PDB file of all heavy atoms in Angstrom:
ATOM      1  N   LEU A   1      94.403 123.608 102.276  1.00  0.00           N
ATOM      2  CA  LEU A   1      94.563 123.986 100.873  1.00  0.00           C
ATOM      3  C   LEU A   1      93.215 124.287 100.238  1.00  0.00           C
ATOM      4  O   LEU A   1      92.174 123.850 100.711  1.00  0.00           O
ATOM      5  CB  LEU A   1      95.246 122.856 100.102  1.00  0.00           C
ATOM      6  CG  LEU A   1      96.653 122.452 100.553  1.00  0.00           C
ATOM      7  CD1 LEU A   1      97.180 121.317  99.673  1.00  0.00           C
ATOM      8  CD2 LEU A   1      97.610 123.632 100.508  1.00  0.00           C
ATOM      9  N   ARG A   2      93.246 125.019  99.159  1.00  0.00           N
ATOM     10  CA  ARG A   2      92.000 125.346  98.462  1.00  0.00           C
ATOM     11  C   ARG A   2      91.393 124.140  97.758  1.00  0.00           C
ATOM     12  O   ARG A   2      90.186 124.080  97.542  1.00  0.00           O
ATOM     13  CB  ARG A   2      92.253 126.472  97.456  1.00  0.00           C
ATOM     14  CG  ARG A   2      92.598 127.804  98.130  1.00  0.00           C
ATOM     15  CD  ARG A   2      92.664 128.938  97.138  1.00  0.00           C
ATOM     16  NE  ARG A   2      92.967 130.206  97.800  1.00  0.00           N
ATOM     17  CZ  ARG A   2      93.051 131.379  97.187  1.00  0.00           C
ATOM     18  NH1 ARG A   2      92.849 131.444  95.874  1.00  0.00           N
ATOM     19  NH2 ARG A   2      93.327 132.480  97.859  1.00  0.00           N
ATOM     20  N   GLU A   3      92.238 123.198  97.349  1.00  0.00           N
ATOM     21  CA  GLU A   3      91.762 121.966  96.713  1.00  0.00           C
ATOM     22  C   GLU A   3      92.355 120.757  97.456  1.00  0.00           C
ATOM     23  O   GLU A   3      93.222 120.068  96.923  1.00  0.00           O
ATOM     24  CB  GLU A   3      92.178 121.918  95.250  1.00  0.00           C
ATOM     25  CG  GLU A   3      91.611 123.029  94.386  1.00  0.00           C
ATOM     26  CD  GLU A   3      92.077 122.901  92.949  1.00  0.00           C
ATOM     27  OE1 GLU A   3      91.428 122.158  92.180  1.00  0.00           O
ATOM     28  OE2 GLU A   3      93.103 123.513  92.602  1.00  0.00           O
ATOM     29  N   PRO A   4      91.904 120.497  98.668  1.00  0.00           N
ATOM     30  CA  PRO A   4      92.539 119.452  99.489  1.00  0.00           C
ATOM     31  C   PRO A   4      92.490 118.054  98.886  1.00  0.00           C
ATOM     32  O   PRO A   4      93.314 117.211  99.209  1.00  0.00           O
ATOM     33  CB  PRO A   4      91.762 119.519 100.801  1.00  0.00           C
ATOM     34  CG  PRO A   4      90.474 120.173 100.456  1.00  0.00           C
ATOM     35  CD  PRO A   4      90.779 121.140  99.364  1.00  0.00           C
ATOM     36  N   GLY A   5      91.546 117.776  98.015  1.00  0.00           N
ATOM     37  CA  GLY A   5      91.405 116.431  97.472  1.00  0.00           C
ATOM     38  C   GLY A   5      91.968 116.247  96.082  1.00  0.00           C
ATOM     39  O   GLY A   5      91.768 115.195  95.472  1.00  0.00           O
ATOM     40  N   ARG A   6      92.676 117.237  95.572  1.00  0.00           N
ATOM     41  CA  ARG A   6      93.171 117.140  94.191  1.00  0.00           C
ATOM     42  C   ARG A   6      94.179 116.000  94.029  1.00  0.00           C
ATOM     43  O   ARG A   6      94.157 115.266  93.041  1.00  0.00           O
ATOM     44  CB  ARG A   6      93.807 118.460  93.758  1.00  0.00           C
ATOM     45  CG  ARG A   6      94.306 118.441  92.325  1.00  0.00           C
ATOM     46  CD  ARG A   6      94.933 119.765  91.935  1.00  0.00           C
ATOM     47  NE  ARG A   6      95.530 119.674  90.612  1.00  0.00           N
ATOM     48  CZ  ARG A   6      96.298 120.615  90.070  1.00  0.00           C
ATOM     49  NH1 ARG A   6      96.551 121.729  90.745  1.00  0.00           N
ATOM     50  NH2 ARG A   6      96.812 120.453  88.868  1.00  0.00           N
ATOM     51  N   PHE A   7      95.092 115.856  94.984  1.00  0.00           N
ATOM     52  CA  PHE A   7      96.057 114.758  94.977  1.00  0.00           C
ATOM     53  C   PHE A   7      95.928 113.977  96.289  1.00  0.00           C
ATOM     54  O   PHE A   7      95.415 114.493  97.281  1.00  0.00           O
ATOM     55  CB  PHE A   7      97.488 115.278  94.833  1.00  0.00           C
ATOM     56  CG  PHE A   7      97.770 115.975  93.529  1.00  0.00           C
ATOM     57  CD1 PHE A   7      97.827 117.357  93.470  1.00  0.00           C
ATOM     58  CD2 PHE A   7      97.963 115.249  92.363  1.00  0.00           C
ATOM     59  CE1 PHE A   7      98.079 118.005  92.274  1.00  0.00           C
ATOM     60  CE2 PHE A   7      98.212 115.886  91.162  1.00  0.00           C
ATOM     61  CZ  PHE A   7      98.273 117.270  91.111  1.00  0.00           C
ATOM     62  N   LEU A   8      96.421 112.756  96.275  1.00  0.00           N
ATOM     63  CA  LEU A   8      96.444 111.929  97.477  1.00  0.00           C
ATOM     64  C   LEU A   8      97.877 111.844  97.990  1.00  0.00           C
ATOM     65  O   LEU A   8      98.827 111.834  97.209  1.00  0.00           O
ATOM     66  CB  LEU A   8      95.944 110.518  97.171  1.00  0.00           C
ATOM     67  CG  LEU A   8      94.560 110.405  96.539  1.00  0.00           C
ATOM     68  CD1 LEU A   8      94.246 108.937  96.272  1.00  0.00           C
ATOM     69  CD2 LEU A   8      93.500 111.041  97.407  1.00  0.00           C
ATOM     70  N   HIS A   9      98.031 111.779  99.328  1.00  0.00           N
ATOM     71  CA  HIS A   9      99.346 111.584  99.939  1.00  0.00           C
ATOM     72  C   HIS A   9      99.297 110.246 100.659  1.00  0.00           C
ATOM     73  O   HIS A   9      98.621 110.093 101.670  1.00  0.00           O
ATOM     74  CB  HIS A   9      99.655 112.730 100.907  1.00  0.00           C
ATOM     75  CG  HIS A   9     101.072 112.729 101.373  1.00  0.00           C
ATOM     76  ND1 HIS A   9     101.518 113.564 102.379  1.00  0.00           N
ATOM     77  CD2 HIS A   9     102.163 111.999 100.988  1.00  0.00           C
ATOM     78  CE1 HIS A   9     102.815 113.358 102.575  1.00  0.00           C
ATOM     79  NE2 HIS A   9     103.223 112.416 101.751  1.00  0.00           N
ATOM     80  N   ILE A  10     100.008 109.275 100.122  1.00  0.00           N
ATOM     81  CA  ILE A  10      99.927 107.888 100.574  1.00  0.00           C
ATOM     82  C   ILE A  10     101.274 107.455 101.151  1.00  0.00           C
ATOM     83  O   ILE A  10     102.323 107.708 100.551  1.00  0.00           O
ATOM     84  CB  ILE A  10      99.544 106.950  99.412  1.00  0.00           C
ATOM     85  CG1 ILE A  10      98.268 107.453  98.716  1.00  0.00           C
ATOM     86  CG2 ILE A  10      99.371 105.522  99.913  1.00  0.00           C
ATOM     87  CD1 ILE A  10      97.043 107.530  99.601  1.00  0.00           C
ATOM     88  N   TYR A  11     101.239 106.774 102.307  1.00  0.00           N
ATOM     89  CA  TYR A  11     102.451 106.374 103.024  1.00  0.00           C
ATOM     90  C   TYR A  11     102.720 104.880 102.863  1.00  0.00           C
ATOM     91  O   TYR A  11     101.796 104.068 102.815  1.00  0.00           O
ATOM     92  CB  TYR A  11     102.324 106.694 104.511  1.00  0.00           C
ATOM     93  CG  TYR A  11     102.317 108.173 104.824  1.00  0.00           C
ATOM     94  CD1 TYR A  11     101.174 108.944 104.641  1.00  0.00           C
ATOM     95  CD2 TYR A  11     103.460 108.805 105.311  1.00  0.00           C
ATOM     96  CE1 TYR A  11     101.170 110.305 104.923  1.00  0.00           C
ATOM     97  CE2 TYR A  11     103.466 110.162 105.607  1.00  0.00           C
ATOM     98  CZ  TYR A  11     102.315 110.904 105.401  1.00  0.00           C
ATOM     99  OH  TYR A  11     102.315 112.243 105.679  1.00  0.00           O
ATOM    100  N   LEU A  12     104.009 104.551 102.822  1.00  0.00           N
ATOM    101  CA  LEU A  12     104.435 103.158 102.808  1.00  0.00           C
ATOM    102  C   LEU A  12     105.472 102.966 103.912  1.00  0.00           C
ATOM    103  O   LEU A  12     106.584 103.493 103.846  1.00  0.00           O
ATOM    104  CB  LEU A  12     105.043 102.794 101.451  1.00  0.00           C
ATOM    105  CG  LEU A  12     105.538 101.353 101.282  1.00  0.00           C
ATOM    106  CD1 LEU A  12     104.408 100.359 101.551  1.00  0.00           C
ATOM    107  CD2 LEU A  12     106.112 101.148  99.883  1.00  0.00           C
ATOM    108  N   PHE A  13     105.081 102.227 104.957  1.00  0.00           N
ATOM    109  CA  PHE A  13     105.958 101.975 106.097  1.00  0.00           C
ATOM    110  C   PHE A  13     106.532 100.561 105.980  1.00  0.00           C
ATOM    111  O   PHE A  13     105.798  99.577 106.044  1.00  0.00           O
ATOM    112  CB  PHE A  13     105.202 102.119 107.414  1.00  0.00           C
ATOM    113  CG  PHE A  13     104.726 103.514 107.692  1.00  0.00           C
ATOM    114  CD1 PHE A  13     103.446 103.911 107.326  1.00  0.00           C
ATOM    115  CD2 PHE A  13     105.558 104.437 108.303  1.00  0.00           C
ATOM    116  CE1 PHE A  13     103.005 105.198 107.580  1.00  0.00           C
ATOM    117  CE2 PHE A  13     105.126 105.730 108.554  1.00  0.00           C
ATOM    118  CZ  PHE A  13     103.845 106.110 108.195  1.00  0.00           C
ATOM    119  N   LYS A  14     107.827 100.472 105.784  1.00  0.00           N
ATOM    120  CA  LYS A  14     108.517  99.194 105.737  1.00  0.00           C
ATOM    121  C   LYS A  14     109.998  99.463 105.988  1.00  0.00           C
ATOM    122  O   LYS A  14     110.416 100.618 106.112  1.00  0.00           O
ATOM    123  CB  LYS A  14     108.315  98.499 104.389  1.00  0.00           C
ATOM    124  CG  LYS A  14     108.819  99.290 103.192  1.00  0.00           C
ATOM    125  CD  LYS A  14     108.601  98.557 101.885  1.00  0.00           C
ATOM    126  CE  LYS A  14     109.476  97.332 101.776  1.00  0.00           C
ATOM    127  NZ  LYS A  14     109.376  96.689 100.448  1.00  0.00           N
ATOM    128  N   LYS A  15     110.791  98.423 106.067  1.00  0.00           N
ATOM    129  CA  LYS A  15     112.212  98.582 106.332  1.00  0.00           C
ATOM    130  C   LYS A  15     112.934  98.928 105.044  1.00  0.00           C
ATOM    131  O   LYS A  15     113.170  98.077 104.192  1.00  0.00           O
ATOM    132  CB  LYS A  15     112.786  97.309 106.951  1.00  0.00           C
ATOM    133  CG  LYS A  15     114.230  97.451 107.401  1.00  0.00           C
ATOM    134  CD  LYS A  15     114.736  96.198 108.083  1.00  0.00           C
ATOM    135  CE  LYS A  15     116.172  96.378 108.557  1.00  0.00           C
ATOM    136  NZ  LYS A  15     116.679  95.145 109.229  1.00  0.00           N
ATOM    137  N   PHE A  16     113.307 100.202 104.904  1.00  0.00           N
ATOM    138  CA  PHE A  16     114.083 100.663 103.763  1.00  0.00           C
ATOM    139  C   PHE A  16     115.548 100.808 104.165  1.00  0.00           C
ATOM    140  O   PHE A  16     115.866 100.949 105.344  1.00  0.00           O
ATOM    141  CB  PHE A  16     113.555 102.007 103.269  1.00  0.00           C
ATOM    142  CG  PHE A  16     112.196 101.944 102.629  1.00  0.00           C
ATOM    143  CD1 PHE A  16     111.076 102.441 103.285  1.00  0.00           C
ATOM    144  CD2 PHE A  16     112.039 101.409 101.366  1.00  0.00           C
ATOM    145  CE1 PHE A  16     109.824 102.388 102.699  1.00  0.00           C
ATOM    146  CE2 PHE A  16     110.782 101.344 100.769  1.00  0.00           C
ATOM    147  CZ  PHE A  16     109.681 101.839 101.438  1.00  0.00           C
ATOM    148  N   PRO A  17     116.454 100.800 103.188  1.00  0.00           N
ATOM    149  CA  PRO A  17     117.876 100.960 103.516  1.00  0.00           C
ATOM    150  C   PRO A  17     118.201 102.257 104.241  1.00  0.00           C
ATOM    151  O   PRO A  17     119.077 102.284 105.107  1.00  0.00           O
ATOM    152  CB  PRO A  17     118.558 100.912 102.145  1.00  0.00           C
ATOM    153  CG  PRO A  17     117.643 100.100 101.298  1.00  0.00           C
ATOM    154  CD  PRO A  17     116.258 100.462 101.776  1.00  0.00           C
ATOM    155  N   THR A  18     117.493 103.337 103.907  1.00  0.00           N
ATOM    156  CA  THR A  18     117.830 104.644 104.484  1.00  0.00           C
ATOM    157  C   THR A  18     116.678 105.284 105.231  1.00  0.00           C
ATOM    158  O   THR A  18     116.851 105.827 106.311  1.00  0.00           O
ATOM    159  CB  THR A  18     118.299 105.597 103.377  1.00  0.00           C
ATOM    160  OG1 THR A  18     119.493 105.083 102.786  1.00  0.00           O
ATOM    161  CG2 THR A  18     118.598 106.992 103.931  1.00  0.00           C
ATOM    162  N   TYR A  19     115.494 105.227 104.675  1.00  0.00           N
ATOM    163  CA  TYR A  19     114.367 105.984 105.200  1.00  0.00           C
ATOM    164  C   TYR A  19     113.590 105.215 106.254  1.00  0.00           C
ATOM    165  O   TYR A  19     113.495 103.985 106.206  1.00  0.00           O
ATOM    166  CB  TYR A  19     113.402 106.363 104.075  1.00  0.00           C
ATOM    167  CG  TYR A  19     114.024 107.181 102.988  1.00  0.00           C
ATOM    168  CD1 TYR A  19     114.457 106.583 101.811  1.00  0.00           C
ATOM    169  CD2 TYR A  19     114.184 108.558 103.122  1.00  0.00           C
ATOM    170  CE1 TYR A  19     115.029 107.336 100.800  1.00  0.00           C
ATOM    171  CE2 TYR A  19     114.753 109.309 102.118  1.00  0.00           C
ATOM    172  CZ  TYR A  19     115.173 108.687 100.961  1.00  0.00           C
ATOM    173  OH  TYR A  19     115.742 109.420  99.962  1.00  0.00           O
ATOM    174  N   ASP A  20     112.970 105.956 107.163  1.00  0.00           N
ATOM    175  CA  ASP A  20     112.034 105.355 108.106  1.00  0.00           C
ATOM    176  C   ASP A  20     110.700 105.072 107.426  1.00  0.00           C
ATOM    177  O   ASP A  20     109.971 104.171 107.824  1.00  0.00           O
ATOM    178  CB  ASP A  20     111.824 106.279 109.309  1.00  0.00           C
ATOM    179  CG  ASP A  20     113.110 106.477 110.092  1.00  0.00           C
ATOM    180  OD1 ASP A  20     113.772 105.472 110.385  1.00  0.00           O
ATOM    181  OD2 ASP A  20     113.461 107.628 110.393  1.00  0.00           O
ATOM    182  N   TYR A  21     110.369 105.849 106.434  1.00  0.00           N
ATOM    183  CA  TYR A  21     109.199 105.590 105.592  1.00  0.00           C
ATOM    184  C   TYR A  21     109.372 106.338 104.278  1.00  0.00           C
ATOM    185  O   TYR A  21     110.204 107.241 104.149  1.00  0.00           O
ATOM    186  CB  TYR A  21     107.885 106.014 106.278  1.00  0.00           C
ATOM    187  CG  TYR A  21     107.680 107.506 106.362  1.00  0.00           C
ATOM    188  CD1 TYR A  21     107.147 108.222 105.295  1.00  0.00           C
ATOM    189  CD2 TYR A  21     108.009 108.211 107.522  1.00  0.00           C
ATOM    190  CE1 TYR A  21     106.961 109.594 105.373  1.00  0.00           C
ATOM    191  CE2 TYR A  21     107.829 109.574 107.605  1.00  0.00           C
ATOM    192  CZ  TYR A  21     107.300 110.263 106.528  1.00  0.00           C
ATOM    193  OH  TYR A  21     107.127 111.618 106.599  1.00  0.00           O
ATOM    194  N   VAL A  22     108.570 105.955 103.296  1.00  0.00           N
ATOM    195  CA  VAL A  22     108.484 106.676 102.026  1.00  0.00           C
ATOM    196  C   VAL A  22     107.020 106.985 101.782  1.00  0.00           C
ATOM    197  O   VAL A  22     106.142 106.173 102.081  1.00  0.00           O
ATOM    198  CB  VAL A  22     109.058 105.840 100.862  1.00  0.00           C
ATOM    199  CG1 VAL A  22     108.822 106.537  99.525  1.00  0.00           C
ATOM    200  CG2 VAL A  22     110.547 105.593 101.066  1.00  0.00           C
ATOM    201  N   SER A  23     106.731 108.169 101.267  1.00  0.00           N
ATOM    202  CA  SER A  23     105.352 108.519 100.932  1.00  0.00           C
ATOM    203  C   SER A  23     105.299 109.091  99.520  1.00  0.00           C
ATOM    204  O   SER A  23     106.319 109.468  98.947  1.00  0.00           O
ATOM    205  CB  SER A  23     104.771 109.508 101.940  1.00  0.00           C
ATOM    206  OG  SER A  23     105.439 110.762 101.886  1.00  0.00           O
ATOM    207  N   PHE A  24     104.071 109.141  98.989  1.00  0.00           N
ATOM    208  CA  PHE A  24     103.880 109.484  97.581  1.00  0.00           C
ATOM    209  C   PHE A  24     102.724 110.465  97.418  1.00  0.00           C
ATOM    210  O   PHE A  24     101.678 110.324  98.056  1.00  0.00           O
ATOM    211  CB  PHE A  24     103.553 108.223  96.773  1.00  0.00           C
ATOM    212  CG  PHE A  24     104.483 107.080  97.027  1.00  0.00           C
ATOM    213  CD1 PHE A  24     104.209 106.165  98.044  1.00  0.00           C
ATOM    214  CD2 PHE A  24     105.623 106.916  96.276  1.00  0.00           C
ATOM    215  CE1 PHE A  24     105.061 105.102  98.298  1.00  0.00           C
ATOM    216  CE2 PHE A  24     106.490 105.856  96.524  1.00  0.00           C
ATOM    217  CZ  PHE A  24     106.206 104.956  97.529  1.00  0.00           C
ATOM    218  N   PHE A  25     102.911 111.443  96.562  1.00  0.00           N
ATOM    219  CA  PHE A  25     101.818 112.287  96.100  1.00  0.00           C
ATOM    220  C   PHE A  25     101.373 111.728  94.756  1.00  0.00           C
ATOM    221  O   PHE A  25     102.178 111.607  93.824  1.00  0.00           O
ATOM    222  CB  PHE A  25     102.270 113.738  95.950  1.00  0.00           C
ATOM    223  CG  PHE A  25     102.617 114.399  97.252  1.00  0.00           C
ATOM    224  CD1 PHE A  25     103.912 114.416  97.714  1.00  0.00           C
ATOM    225  CD2 PHE A  25     101.622 114.992  98.022  1.00  0.00           C
ATOM    226  CE1 PHE A  25     104.237 115.022  98.919  1.00  0.00           C
ATOM    227  CE2 PHE A  25     101.930 115.599  99.232  1.00  0.00           C
ATOM    228  CZ  PHE A  25     103.243 115.605  99.680  1.00  0.00           C
ATOM    229  N   VAL A  26     100.100 111.367  94.661  1.00  0.00           N
ATOM    230  CA  VAL A  26      99.621 110.694  93.451  1.00  0.00           C
ATOM    231  C   VAL A  26      98.336 111.337  92.945  1.00  0.00           C
ATOM    232  O   VAL A  26      97.558 111.933  93.700  1.00  0.00           O
ATOM    233  CB  VAL A  26      99.369 109.186  93.698  1.00  0.00           C
ATOM    234  CG1 VAL A  26     100.640 108.491  94.134  1.00  0.00           C
ATOM    235  CG2 VAL A  26      98.268 108.966  94.728  1.00  0.00           C
TER     236      VAL A  26
END
């Protein structure tokens, strides 16, 4: 991307009811 550091992509690995993981753009 032209601005690779503008947002962060952060992962959360734990036992969720449906997902194998959830991640966030912050």
